[in-house]
Every structure is written in C-alpha cells, then in structure tokens.
C-alpha cells in the first residue's frame, strides 16, 4: 500500500507550505490523481483520515480528489485515445507505437487555508 507514503509526502509538502506562508490551519487539500497512477482513491482517503489527525495544521482537513483521465497518443496516426478503454493498441489504426500522454501522475492542485 503505497497510498500511505503518498499521503505522508503530501502532508509534509502542505505543512512546509504552511510554515513558509505563516498559515495556521488548512481546511482542504485538492489532489489530482491519474487514472493509471496506481493510486487507489479509497485507500488514499482512508490513509488521509488516519494521518491528518497527527498533523499540526491539518487535523480536520478534507481531502478532495479530482481524477485525471489517462490519455495515450499513437505516433503512427496521431490519434489521442482513452488509455483505460484501449490500452496500448490504437483504436484508429491498430498500431502499438503509442505512449502515455497523461494519467499516471498526481499533483496537489489546491490548498485551502483557513
């Protein structure tokens, strides 16, 4: 379960931001999570609930998760398509010469200070 490690990294990052900006409390953190990032939102939320209670600035902070669609590009025909639906095979031309454009990342989008 790497979700706990991800949550701990996010908490450290947000707490560093709080110290740098003299914030006293965080109301919510919005996290963008890619469809094929390997991060399971339910596990992430469970880890969040456990971990934020042990923080200085975020004890009651809400975690908001926004999905990032996984999109693949075919280098043969230039088609962009849903990675989850079609995987590595281009639905337009059948090529396997494709690569993932987005959807395997996660990022802190917003920190709501109170």
PDB file of N, CA and C in Angstrom:
ATOM      1  N   UNK A   1       0.845  -1.185   0.000  1.00  0.00           N
ATOM      2  CA  UNK A   1       0.000   0.000   0.000  1.00  0.00           C
ATOM      3  C   UNK A   1       0.890   1.249   0.000  1.00  0.00           C
ATOM      4  N   UNK A   2       1.126   1.795  -1.168  1.00  0.00           N
ATOM      5  CA  UNK A   2       1.936   2.999  -1.270  1.00  0.00           C
ATOM      6  C   UNK A   2       1.123   4.268  -1.030  1.00  0.00           C
ATOM      7  N   UNK A   3      -0.188   4.135  -0.854  1.00  0.00           N
ATOM      8  CA  UNK A   3      -1.026   5.300  -0.608  1.00  0.00           C
ATOM      9  C   UNK A   3      -0.618   6.018   0.681  1.00  0.00           C
ATOM     10  N   UNK A   4      -0.217   5.259   1.699  1.00  0.00           N
ATOM     11  CA  UNK A   4       0.214   5.889   2.946  1.00  0.00           C
ATOM     12  C   UNK A   4       1.459   6.741   2.716  1.00  0.00           C
ATOM     13  N   UNK A   5       2.410   6.231   1.972  1.00  0.00           N
ATOM     14  CA  UNK A   5       3.604   7.012   1.646  1.00  0.00           C
ATOM     15  C   UNK A   5       3.258   8.267   0.858  1.00  0.00           C
ATOM     16  N   UNK A   6       2.309   8.139  -0.061  1.00  0.00           N
ATOM     17  CA  UNK A   6       1.859   9.285  -0.847  1.00  0.00           C
ATOM     18  C   UNK A   6       1.223  10.333   0.060  1.00  0.00           C
ATOM     19  N   UNK A   7       0.365   9.888   0.968  1.00  0.00           N
ATOM     20  CA  UNK A   7      -0.298  10.810   1.901  1.00  0.00           C
ATOM     21  C   UNK A   7       0.732  11.504   2.786  1.00  0.00           C
ATOM     22  N   UNK A   8       1.705  10.768   3.283  1.00  0.00           N
ATOM     23  CA  UNK A   8       2.718  11.374   4.157  1.00  0.00           C
ATOM     24  C   UNK A   8       3.538  12.417   3.391  1.00  0.00           C
ATOM     25  N   UNK A   9       3.838  12.147   2.130  1.00  0.00           N
ATOM     26  CA  UNK A   9       4.558  13.111   1.297  1.00  0.00           C
ATOM     27  C   UNK A   9       3.711  14.382   1.098  1.00  0.00           C
ATOM     28  N   UNK A  10       2.432  14.208   0.814  1.00  0.00           N
ATOM     29  CA  UNK A  10       1.535  15.353   0.618  1.00  0.00           C
ATOM     30  C   UNK A  10       1.450  16.178   1.901  1.00  0.00           C
ATOM     31  N   UNK A  11       1.299  15.513   3.024  1.00  0.00           N
ATOM     32  CA  UNK A  11       1.208  16.221   4.308  1.00  0.00           C
ATOM     33  C   UNK A  11       2.484  17.017   4.576  1.00  0.00           C
ATOM     34  N   UNK A  12       3.643  16.418   4.354  1.00  0.00           N
ATOM     35  CA  UNK A  12       4.907  17.148   4.555  1.00  0.00           C
ATOM     36  C   UNK A  12       4.972  18.376   3.646  1.00  0.00           C
ATOM     37  N   UNK A  13       4.561  18.201   2.410  1.00  0.00           N
ATOM     38  CA  UNK A  13       4.589  19.308   1.450  1.00  0.00           C
ATOM     39  C   UNK A  13       3.653  20.433   1.887  1.00  0.00           C
ATOM     40  N   UNK A  14       2.444  20.083   2.289  1.00  0.00           N
ATOM     41  CA  UNK A  14       1.466  21.088   2.720  1.00  0.00           C
ATOM     42  C   UNK A  14       1.932  21.765   4.007  1.00  0.00           C
ATOM     43  N   UNK A  15       2.466  21.003   4.939  1.00  0.00           N
ATOM     44  CA  UNK A  15       2.948  21.615   6.185  1.00  0.00           C
ATOM     45  C   UNK A  15       4.126  22.547   5.927  1.00  0.00           C
ATOM     46  N   UNK A  16       5.010  22.200   5.013  1.00  0.00           N
ATOM     47  CA  UNK A  16       6.101  23.104   4.634  1.00  0.00           C
ATOM     48  C   UNK A  16       5.533  24.403   4.065  1.00  0.00           C
ATOM     49  N   UNK A  17       4.516  24.278   3.238  1.00  0.00           N
ATOM     50  CA  UNK A  17       3.852  25.445   2.655  1.00  0.00           C
ATOM     51  C   UNK A  17       3.228  26.311   3.750  1.00  0.00           C
ATOM     52  N   UNK A  18       2.625  25.672   4.737  1.00  0.00           N
ATOM     53  CA  UNK A  18       2.016  26.406   5.858  1.00  0.00           C
ATOM     54  C   UNK A  18       3.071  27.216   6.611  1.00  0.00           C
ATOM     55  N   UNK A  19       4.194  26.593   6.916  1.00  0.00           N
ATOM     56  CA  UNK A  19       5.265  27.292   7.638  1.00  0.00           C
ATOM     57  C   UNK A  19       5.828  28.449   6.809  1.00  0.00           C
ATOM     58  N   UNK A  20       6.045  28.209   5.530  1.00  0.00           N
ATOM     59  CA  UNK A  20       6.613  29.244   4.654  1.00  0.00           C
ATOM     60  C   UNK A  20       5.685  30.446   4.497  1.00  0.00           C
ATOM     61  N   UNK A  21       4.370  30.214   4.597  1.00  0.00           N
ATOM     62  CA  UNK A  21       3.387  31.277   4.360  1.00  0.00           C
ATOM     63  C   UNK A  21       2.654  31.708   5.624  1.00  0.00           C
ATOM     64  N   UNK A  22       3.159  31.312   6.774  1.00  0.00           N
ATOM     65  CA  UNK A  22       2.573  31.658   8.077  1.00  0.00           C
ATOM     66  C   UNK A  22       1.080  31.327   8.165  1.00  0.00           C
ATOM     67  N   UNK A  23       0.702  30.172   7.644  1.00  0.00           N
ATOM     68  CA  UNK A  23      -0.683  29.718   7.746  1.00  0.00           C
ATOM     69  C   UNK A  23      -0.863  28.995   9.079  1.00  0.00           C
ATOM     70  N   UNK A  24      -2.071  29.042   9.607  1.00  0.00           N
ATOM     71  CA  UNK A  24      -2.310  28.382  10.893  1.00  0.00           C
ATOM     72  C   UNK A  24      -3.165  27.134  10.772  1.00  0.00           C
ATOM     73  N   UNK A  25      -3.967  27.050   9.705  1.00  0.00           N
ATOM     74  CA  UNK A  25      -4.851  25.894   9.560  1.00  0.00           C
ATOM     75  C   UNK A  25      -5.233  25.682   8.106  1.00  0.00           C
ATOM     76  N   UNK A  26      -5.368  24.411   7.724  1.00  0.00           N
ATOM     77  CA  UNK A  26      -5.771  24.040   6.367  1.00  0.00           C
ATOM     78  C   UNK A  26      -7.152  23.414   6.436  1.00  0.00           C
ATOM     79  N   UNK A  27      -8.045  23.890   5.563  1.00  0.00           N
ATOM     80  CA  UNK A  27      -9.404  23.360   5.520  1.00  0.00           C
ATOM     81  C   UNK A  27      -9.557  22.188   4.574  1.00  0.00           C
ATOM     82  N   UNK A  28      -8.803  22.243   3.459  1.00  0.00           N
ATOM     83  CA  UNK A  28      -8.885  21.143   2.499  1.00  0.00           C
ATOM     84  C   UNK A  28      -7.661  21.156   1.588  1.00  0.00           C
ATOM     85  N   UNK A  29      -7.425  19.992   1.004  1.00  0.00           N
ATOM     86  CA  UNK A  29      -6.378  19.831   0.002  1.00  0.00           C
ATOM     87  C   UNK A  29      -7.029  19.140  -1.184  1.00  0.00           C
ATOM     88  N   UNK A  30      -6.863  19.734  -2.368  1.00  0.00           N
ATOM     89  CA  UNK A  30      -7.382  19.124  -3.586  1.00  0.00           C
ATOM     90  C   UNK A  30      -6.214  18.458  -4.302  1.00  0.00           C
ATOM     91  N   UNK A  31      -6.388  17.180  -4.546  1.00  0.00           N
ATOM     92  CA  UNK A  31      -5.349  16.383  -5.182  1.00  0.00           C
ATOM     93  C   UNK A  31      -5.871  15.850  -6.502  1.00  0.00           C
ATOM     94  N   UNK A  32      -5.097  16.028  -7.559  1.00  0.00           N
ATOM     95  CA  UNK A  32      -5.425  15.438  -8.852  1.00  0.00           C
ATOM     96  C   UNK A  32      -4.696  14.099  -8.945  1.00  0.00           C
ATOM     97  N   UNK A  33      -5.447  13.052  -9.313  1.00  0.00           N
ATOM     98  CA  UNK A  33      -4.882  11.696  -9.354  1.00  0.00           C
ATOM     99  C   UNK A  33      -5.181  11.067 -10.710  1.00  0.00           C
ATOM    100  N   UNK A  34      -4.142  10.627 -11.399  1.00  0.00           N
ATOM    101  CA  UNK A  34      -4.281   9.991 -12.702  1.00  0.00           C
ATOM    102  C   UNK A  34      -4.935   8.628 -12.609  1.00  0.00           C
ATOM    103  N   UNK A  35      -5.724   8.305 -13.639  1.00  0.00           N
ATOM    104  CA  UNK A  35      -6.439   7.018 -13.699  1.00  0.00           C
ATOM    105  C   UNK A  35      -5.504   5.816 -13.624  1.00  0.00           C
ATOM    106  N   UNK A  36      -4.314   5.941 -14.183  1.00  0.00           N
ATOM    107  CA  UNK A  36      -3.388   4.808 -14.199  1.00  0.00           C
ATOM    108  C   UNK A  36      -2.146   5.091 -13.337  1.00  0.00           C
ATOM    109  N   UNK A  37      -2.311   5.917 -12.317  1.00  0.00           N
ATOM    110  CA  UNK A  37      -1.195   6.261 -11.429  1.00  0.00           C
ATOM    111  C   UNK A  37      -0.863   5.136 -10.459  1.00  0.00           C
ATOM    112  N   UNK A  38      -1.780   4.197 -10.307  1.00  0.00           N
ATOM    113  CA  UNK A  38      -1.584   3.138  -9.331  1.00  0.00           C
ATOM    114  C   UNK A  38      -2.068   3.525  -7.950  1.00  0.00           C
ATOM    115  N   UNK A  39      -2.570   4.743  -7.803  1.00  0.00           N
ATOM    116  CA  UNK A  39      -3.098   5.214  -6.522  1.00  0.00           C
ATOM    117  C   UNK A  39      -4.597   4.946  -6.500  1.00  0.00           C
ATOM    118  N   UNK A  40      -5.050   4.258  -5.476  1.00  0.00           N
ATOM    119  CA  UNK A  40      -6.466   3.955  -5.326  1.00  0.00           C
ATOM    120  C   UNK A  40      -7.109   5.009  -4.419  1.00  0.00           C
ATOM    121  N   UNK A  41      -8.039   5.808  -4.971  1.00  0.00           N
ATOM    122  CA  UNK A  41      -8.635   6.899  -4.198  1.00  0.00           C
ATOM    123  C   UNK A  41      -9.222   6.473  -2.847  1.00  0.00           C
ATOM    124  N   UNK A  42      -9.861   5.319  -2.770  1.00  0.00           N
ATOM    125  CA  UNK A  42     -10.435   4.884  -1.498  1.00  0.00           C
ATOM    126  C   UNK A  42      -9.345   4.661  -0.457  1.00  0.00           C
ATOM    127  N   UNK A  43      -8.269   3.993  -0.842  1.00  0.00           N
ATOM    128  CA  UNK A  43      -7.162   3.766   0.089  1.00  0.00           C
ATOM    129  C   UNK A  43      -6.490   5.077   0.465  1.00  0.00           C
ATOM    130  N   UNK A  44      -6.372   5.972  -0.503  1.00  0.00           N
ATOM    131  CA  UNK A  44      -5.786   7.284  -0.248  1.00  0.00           C
ATOM    132  C   UNK A  44      -6.611   8.025   0.801  1.00  0.00           C
ATOM    133  N   UNK A  45      -7.932   8.005   0.639  1.00  0.00           N
ATOM    134  CA  UNK A  45      -8.823   8.677   1.592  1.00  0.00           C
ATOM    135  C   UNK A  45      -8.731   8.047   2.979  1.00  0.00           C
ATOM    136  N   UNK A  46      -8.653   6.724   3.040  1.00  0.00           N
ATOM    137  CA  UNK A  46      -8.523   6.042   4.337  1.00  0.00           C
ATOM    138  C   UNK A  46      -7.225   6.432   5.032  1.00  0.00           C
ATOM    139  N   UNK A  47      -6.138   6.449   4.295  1.00  0.00           N
ATOM    140  CA  UNK A  47      -4.846   6.841   4.859  1.00  0.00           C
ATOM    141  C   UNK A  47      -4.869   8.300   5.301  1.00  0.00           C
ATOM    142  N   UNK A  48      -5.515   9.129   4.515  1.00  0.00           N
ATOM    143  CA  UNK A  48      -5.632  10.555   4.832  1.00  0.00           C
ATOM    144  C   UNK A  48      -6.327  10.737   6.177  1.00  0.00           C
ATOM    145  N   UNK A  49      -7.467  10.067   6.345  1.00  0.00           N
ATOM    146  CA  UNK A  49      -8.232  10.196   7.594  1.00  0.00           C
ATOM    147  C   UNK A  49      -7.385   9.834   8.805  1.00  0.00           C
ATOM    148  N   UNK A  50      -6.573   8.817   8.670  1.00  0.00           N
ATOM    149  CA  UNK A  50      -5.710   8.394   9.768  1.00  0.00           C
ATOM    150  C   UNK A  50      -4.579   9.401   9.995  1.00  0.00           C
ATOM    151  N   UNK A  51      -3.937   9.831   8.930  1.00  0.00           N
ATOM    152  CA  UNK A  51      -2.709  10.632   9.036  1.00  0.00           C
ATOM    153  C   UNK A  51      -2.939  12.086   9.425  1.00  0.00           C
ATOM    154  N   UNK A  52      -3.981  12.720   8.934  1.00  0.00           N
ATOM    155  CA  UNK A  52      -4.148  14.159   9.211  1.00  0.00           C
ATOM    156  C   UNK A  52      -4.418  14.429  10.688  1.00  0.00           C
ATOM    157  N   UNK A  53      -4.937  13.468  11.396  1.00  0.00           N
ATOM    158  CA  UNK A  53      -5.197  13.654  12.829  1.00  0.00           C
ATOM    159  C   UNK A  53      -3.905  13.828  13.612  1.00  0.00           C
ATOM    160  N   UNK A  54      -2.797  13.476  13.011  1.00  0.00           N
ATOM    161  CA  UNK A  54      -1.498  13.540  13.667  1.00  0.00           C
ATOM    162  C   UNK A  54      -0.667  14.734  13.197  1.00  0.00           C
ATOM    163  N   UNK A  55      -1.310  15.699  12.549  1.00  0.00           N
ATOM    164  CA  UNK A  55      -0.582  16.838  11.984  1.00  0.00           C
ATOM    165  C   UNK A  55      -0.809  18.101  12.795  1.00  0.00           C
ATOM    166  N   UNK A  56       0.030  19.075  12.541  1.00  0.00           N
ATOM    167  CA  UNK A  56      -0.069  20.349  13.239  1.00  0.00           C
ATOM    168  C   UNK A  56      -1.131  21.269  12.622  1.00  0.00           C
ATOM    169  N   UNK A  57      -1.182  21.324  11.292  1.00  0.00           N
ATOM    170  CA  UNK A  57      -2.030  22.299  10.599  1.00  0.00           C
ATOM    171  C   UNK A  57      -3.288  21.711   9.964  1.00  0.00           C
ATOM    172  N   UNK A  58      -3.383  20.404   9.883  1.00  0.00           N
ATOM    173  CA  UNK A  58      -4.396  19.791   9.017  1.00  0.00           C
ATOM    174  C   UNK A  58      -5.315  18.801   9.723  1.00  0.00           C
ATOM    175  N   UNK A  59      -5.479  18.909  11.007  1.00  0.00           N
ATOM    176  CA  UNK A  59      -6.177  17.883  11.771  1.00  0.00           C
ATOM    177  C   UNK A  59      -7.593  17.582  11.294  1.00  0.00           C
ATOM    178  N   UNK A  60      -8.266  18.553  10.722  1.00  0.00           N
ATOM    179  CA  UNK A  60      -9.626  18.314  10.221  1.00  0.00           C
ATOM    180  C   UNK A  60      -9.740  18.609   8.728  1.00  0.00           C
ATOM    181  N   UNK A  61      -8.628  18.641   8.042  1.00  0.00           N
ATOM    182  CA  UNK A  61      -8.631  18.995   6.615  1.00  0.00           C
ATOM    183  C   UNK A  61      -9.282  17.896   5.786  1.00  0.00           C
ATOM    184  N   UNK A  62     -10.082  18.331   4.835  1.00  0.00           N
ATOM    185  CA  UNK A  62     -10.752  17.422   3.904  1.00  0.00           C
ATOM    186  C   UNK A  62      -9.838  17.157   2.708  1.00  0.00           C
ATOM    187  N   UNK A  63      -9.850  15.922   2.230  1.00  0.00           N
ATOM    188  CA  UNK A  63      -9.126  15.576   1.002  1.00  0.00           C
ATOM    189  C   UNK A  63     -10.132  15.539  -0.130  1.00  0.00           C
ATOM    190  N   UNK A  64      -9.874  16.326  -1.159  1.00  0.00           N
ATOM    191  CA  UNK A  64     -10.710  16.319  -2.364  1.00  0.00           C
ATOM    192  C   UNK A  64      -9.881  15.711  -3.484  1.00  0.00           C
ATOM    193  N   UNK A  65     -10.448  14.742  -4.167  1.00  0.00           N
ATOM    194  CA  UNK A  65      -9.714  14.048  -5.226  1.00  0.00           C
ATOM    195  C   UNK A  65     -10.379  14.318  -6.571  1.00  0.00           C
ATOM    196  N   UNK A  66      -9.584  14.816  -7.511  1.00  0.00           N
ATOM    197  CA  UNK A  66     -10.044  15.040  -8.878  1.00  0.00           C
ATOM    198  C   UNK A  66      -9.308  14.058  -9.791  1.00  0.00           C
ATOM    199  N   UNK A  67     -10.043  13.256 -10.557  1.00  0.00           N
ATOM    200  CA  UNK A  67      -9.369  12.307 -11.451  1.00  0.00           C
ATOM    201  C   UNK A  67      -8.773  13.004 -12.676  1.00  0.00           C
ATOM    202  N   UNK A  68      -7.651  12.470 -13.133  1.00  0.00           N
ATOM    203  CA  UNK A  68      -7.037  12.896 -14.394  1.00  0.00           C
ATOM    204  C   UNK A  68      -7.192  11.725 -15.357  1.00  0.00           C
ATOM    205  N   UNK A  69      -7.892  11.957 -16.457  1.00  0.00           N
ATOM    206  CA  UNK A  69      -8.103  10.894 -17.437  1.00  0.00           C
ATOM    207  C   UNK A  69      -6.773  10.458 -18.042  1.00  0.00           C
ATOM    208  N   UNK A  70      -6.601   9.163 -18.194  1.00  0.00           N
ATOM    209  CA  UNK A  70      -5.409   8.624 -18.852  1.00  0.00           C
ATOM    210  C   UNK A  70      -5.622   8.695 -20.364  1.00  0.00           C
ATOM    211  N   UNK A  71      -4.683   9.351 -21.043  1.00  0.00           N
ATOM    212  CA  UNK A  71      -4.770   9.536 -22.492  1.00  0.00           C
ATOM    213  C   UNK A  71      -3.456   9.078 -23.127  1.00  0.00           C
ATOM    214  N   UNK A  72      -3.584   8.300 -24.196  1.00  0.00           N
ATOM    215  CA  UNK A  72      -2.437   7.782 -24.938  1.00  0.00           C
ATOM    216  C   UNK A  72      -2.431   8.388 -26.336  1.00  0.00           C
ATOM    217  N   UNK A  73      -1.232   8.575 -26.886  1.00  0.00           N
ATOM    218  CA  UNK A  73      -1.058   9.105 -28.237  1.00  0.00           C
ATOM    219  C   UNK A  73      -0.444   8.032 -29.123  1.00  0.00           C
ATOM    220  N   UNK A  74      -1.005   7.854 -30.308  1.00  0.00           N
ATOM    221  CA  UNK A  74      -0.446   6.953 -31.315  1.00  0.00           C
ATOM    222  C   UNK A  74       0.540   7.752 -32.164  1.00  0.00           C
ATOM    223  N   UNK A  75       1.769   7.285 -32.234  1.00  0.00           N
ATOM    224  CA  UNK A  75       2.776   8.014 -33.016  1.00  0.00           C
ATOM    225  C   UNK A  75       2.634   7.775 -34.519  1.00  0.00           C
ATOM    226  N   UNK A  76       1.888   6.730 -34.902  1.00  0.00           N
ATOM    227  CA  UNK A  76       1.689   6.463 -36.331  1.00  0.00           C
ATOM    228  C   UNK A  76       0.617   7.358 -36.946  1.00  0.00           C
ATOM    229  N   UNK A  77      -0.535   7.467 -36.294  1.00  0.00           N
ATOM    230  CA  UNK A  77      -1.633   8.239 -36.904  1.00  0.00           C
ATOM    231  C   UNK A  77      -1.948   9.544 -36.165  1.00  0.00           C
ATOM    232  N   UNK A  78      -1.352   9.748 -34.999  1.00  0.00           N
ATOM    233  CA  UNK A  78      -1.583  10.990 -34.264  1.00  0.00           C
ATOM    234  C   UNK A  78      -2.843  10.995 -33.410  1.00  0.00           C
ATOM    235  N   UNK A  79      -3.556   9.889 -33.348  1.00  0.00           N
ATOM    236  CA  UNK A  79      -4.796   9.784 -32.571  1.00  0.00           C
ATOM    237  C   UNK A  79      -4.494   9.801 -31.077  1.00  0.00           C
ATOM    238  N   UNK A  80      -5.287  10.580 -30.322  1.00  0.00           N
ATOM    239  CA  UNK A  80      -5.275  10.523 -28.860  1.00  0.00           C
ATOM    240  C   UNK A  80      -6.501   9.732 -28.445  1.00  0.00           C
ATOM    241  N   UNK A  81      -6.329   8.828 -27.489  1.00  0.00           N
ATOM    242  CA  UNK A  81      -7.456   7.976 -27.091  1.00  0.00           C
ATOM    243  C   UNK A  81      -7.360   7.601 -25.623  1.00  0.00           C
ATOM    244  N   UNK A  82      -8.463   7.061 -25.113  1.00  0.00           N
ATOM    245  CA  UNK A  82      -8.558   6.641 -23.714  1.00  0.00           C
ATOM    246  C   UNK A  82      -7.667   5.429 -23.455  1.00  0.00           C
ATOM    247  N   UNK A  83      -6.729   5.595 -22.571  1.00  0.00           N
ATOM    248  CA  UNK A  83      -5.811   4.507 -22.220  1.00  0.00           C
ATOM    249  C   UNK A  83      -6.547   3.365 -21.528  1.00  0.00           C
ATOM    250  N   UNK A  84      -7.452   3.701 -20.644  1.00  0.00           N
ATOM    251  CA  UNK A  84      -8.170   2.679 -19.881  1.00  0.00           C
ATOM    252  C   UNK A  84      -9.017   1.811 -20.806  1.00  0.00           C
ATOM    253  N   UNK A  85      -9.632   2.422 -21.790  1.00  0.00           N
ATOM    254  CA  UNK A  85     -10.516   1.677 -22.686  1.00  0.00           C
ATOM    255  C   UNK A  85      -9.737   0.841 -23.704  1.00  0.00           C
ATOM    256  N   UNK A  86      -8.650   1.382 -24.259  1.00  0.00           N
ATOM    257  CA  UNK A  86      -7.975   0.713 -25.368  1.00  0.00           C
ATOM    258  C   UNK A  86      -6.554   0.224 -25.063  1.00  0.00           C
ATOM    259  N   UNK A  87      -6.005   0.572 -23.923  1.00  0.00           N
ATOM    260  CA  UNK A  87      -4.656   0.166 -23.521  1.00  0.00           C
ATOM    261  C   UNK A  87      -3.613   0.662 -24.523  1.00  0.00           C
ATOM    262  N   UNK A  88      -2.736  -0.210 -24.962  1.00  0.00           N
ATOM    263  CA  UNK A  88      -1.605   0.197 -25.802  1.00  0.00           C
ATOM    264  C   UNK A  88      -1.909   0.156 -27.304  1.00  0.00           C
ATOM    265  N   UNK A  89      -3.014  -0.438 -27.704  1.00  0.00           N
ATOM    266  CA  UNK A  89      -3.338  -0.589 -29.127  1.00  0.00           C
ATOM    267  C   UNK A  89      -4.231   0.577 -29.583  1.00  0.00           C
ATOM    268  N   UNK A  90      -3.783   1.299 -30.585  1.00  0.00           N
ATOM    269  CA  UNK A  90      -4.549   2.423 -31.114  1.00  0.00           C
ATOM    270  C   UNK A  90      -5.864   1.934 -31.721  1.00  0.00           C
ATOM    271  N   UNK A  91      -7.001   2.499 -31.308  1.00  0.00           N
ATOM    272  CA  UNK A  91      -8.285   2.063 -31.859  1.00  0.00           C
ATOM    273  C   UNK A  91      -8.512   2.525 -33.302  1.00  0.00           C
ATOM    274  N   UNK A  92      -7.757   3.497 -33.742  1.00  0.00           N
ATOM    275  CA  UNK A  92      -7.930   4.020 -35.104  1.00  0.00           C
ATOM    276  C   UNK A  92      -7.154   3.203 -36.139  1.00  0.00           C
ATOM    277  N   UNK A  93      -5.859   2.913 -35.839  1.00  0.00           N
ATOM    278  CA  UNK A  93      -5.027   2.254 -36.858  1.00  0.00           C
ATOM    279  C   UNK A  93      -4.455   0.912 -36.420  1.00  0.00           C
ATOM    280  N   UNK A  94      -4.654   0.539 -35.158  1.00  0.00           N
ATOM    281  CA  UNK A  94      -4.170  -0.745 -34.664  1.00  0.00           C
ATOM    282  C   UNK A  94      -2.695  -0.787 -34.305  1.00  0.00           C
ATOM    283  N   UNK A  95      -2.028   0.346 -34.357  1.00  0.00           N
ATOM    284  CA  UNK A  95      -0.598   0.397 -34.050  1.00  0.00           C
ATOM    285  C   UNK A  95      -0.338   0.203 -32.557  1.00  0.00           C
ATOM    286  N   UNK A  96       0.824  -0.350 -32.251  1.00  0.00           N
ATOM    287  CA  UNK A  96       1.280  -0.456 -30.866  1.00  0.00           C
ATOM    288  C   UNK A  96       2.341   0.596 -30.555  1.00  0.00           C
ATOM    289  N   UNK A  97       2.632   1.452 -31.517  1.00  0.00           N
ATOM    290  CA  UNK A  97       3.615   2.517 -31.298  1.00  0.00           C
ATOM    291  C   UNK A  97       2.897   3.714 -30.677  1.00  0.00           C
ATOM    292  N   UNK A  98       2.686   3.599 -29.402  1.00  0.00           N
ATOM    293  CA  UNK A  98       1.920   4.583 -28.646  1.00  0.00           C
ATOM    294  C   UNK A  98       2.661   4.922 -27.360  1.00  0.00           C
ATOM    295  N   UNK A  99       2.288   6.049 -26.775  1.00  0.00           N
ATOM    296  CA  UNK A  99       2.826   6.371 -25.454  1.00  0.00           C
ATOM    297  C   UNK A  99       1.815   7.192 -24.665  1.00  0.00           C
ATOM    298  N   UNK A 100       1.930   7.071 -23.361  1.00  0.00           N
ATOM    299  CA  UNK A 100       1.013   7.720 -22.437  1.00  0.00           C
ATOM    300  C   UNK A 100       1.313   9.214 -22.374  1.00  0.00           C
ATOM    301  N   UNK A 101       0.301  10.034 -22.617  1.00  0.00           N
ATOM    302  CA  UNK A 101       0.447  11.485 -22.524  1.00  0.00           C
ATOM    303  C   UNK A 101       0.219  11.976 -21.098  1.00  0.00           C
ATOM    304  N   UNK A 102      -0.819  11.464 -20.476  1.00  0.00           N
ATOM    305  CA  UNK A 102      -1.163  11.881 -19.114  1.00  0.00           C
ATOM    306  C   UNK A 102      -2.021  10.802 -18.462  1.00  0.00           C
ATOM    307  N   UNK A 103      -2.066  10.877 -17.151  1.00  0.00           N
ATOM    308  CA  UNK A 103      -2.918   9.957 -16.412  1.00  0.00           C
ATOM    309  C   UNK A 103      -2.179   9.071 -15.428  1.00  0.00           C
ATOM    310  N   UNK A 104      -0.846   9.177 -15.383  1.00  0.00           N
ATOM    311  CA  UNK A 104      -0.117   8.365 -14.408  1.00  0.00           C
ATOM    312  C   UNK A 104       0.494   9.226 -13.298  1.00  0.00           C
ATOM    313  N   UNK A 105       0.111  10.483 -13.238  1.00  0.00           N
ATOM    314  CA  UNK A 105       0.678  11.412 -12.280  1.00  0.00           C
ATOM    315  C   UNK A 105      -0.315  11.736 -11.156  1.00  0.00           C
ATOM    316  N   UNK A 106       0.196  12.405 -10.143  1.00  0.00           N
ATOM    317  CA  UNK A 106      -0.672  13.033  -9.153  1.00  0.00           C
ATOM    318  C   UNK A 106      -0.049  14.365  -8.787  1.00  0.00           C
ATOM    319  N   UNK A 107      -0.886  15.319  -8.397  1.00  0.00           N
ATOM    320  CA  UNK A 107      -0.404  16.658  -8.079  1.00  0.00           C
ATOM    321  C   UNK A 107      -1.339  17.329  -7.089  1.00  0.00           C
ATOM    322  N   UNK A 108      -0.736  18.135  -6.219  1.00  0.00           N
ATOM    323  CA  UNK A 108      -1.539  18.970  -5.336  1.00  0.00           C
ATOM    324  C   UNK A 108      -2.023  20.149  -6.176  1.00  0.00           C
ATOM    325  N   UNK A 109      -3.325  20.252  -6.309  1.00  0.00           N
ATOM    326  CA  UNK A 109      -3.894  21.334  -7.113  1.00  0.00           C
ATOM    327  C   UNK A 109      -4.164  22.574  -6.264  1.00  0.00           C
ATOM    328  N   UNK A 110      -4.659  22.350  -5.048  1.00  0.00           N
ATOM    329  CA  UNK A 110      -5.092  23.500  -4.246  1.00  0.00           C
ATOM    330  C   UNK A 110      -5.009  23.182  -2.767  1.00  0.00           C
ATOM    331  N   UNK A 111      -4.620  24.178  -2.004  1.00  0.00           N
ATOM    332  CA  UNK A 111      -4.615  24.101  -0.550  1.00  0.00           C
ATOM    333  C   UNK A 111      -5.511  25.235  -0.048  1.00  0.00           C
ATOM    334  N   UNK A 112      -6.545  24.869   0.676  1.00  0.00           N
ATOM    335  CA  UNK A 112      -7.461  25.882   1.216  1.00  0.00           C
ATOM    336  C   UNK A 112      -7.015  26.241   2.630  1.00  0.00           C
ATOM    337  N   UNK A 113      -6.576  27.481   2.814  1.00  0.00           N
ATOM    338  CA  UNK A 113      -6.147  27.962   4.118  1.00  0.00           C
ATOM    339  C   UNK A 113      -7.335  28.574   4.854  1.00  0.00           C
ATOM    340  N   UNK A 114      -7.398  28.312   6.136  1.00  0.00           N
ATOM    341  CA  UNK A 114      -8.466  28.906   6.964  1.00  0.00           C
ATOM    342  C   UNK A 114      -7.895  29.926   7.913  1.00  0.00           C
TER     343      UNK A 114
END
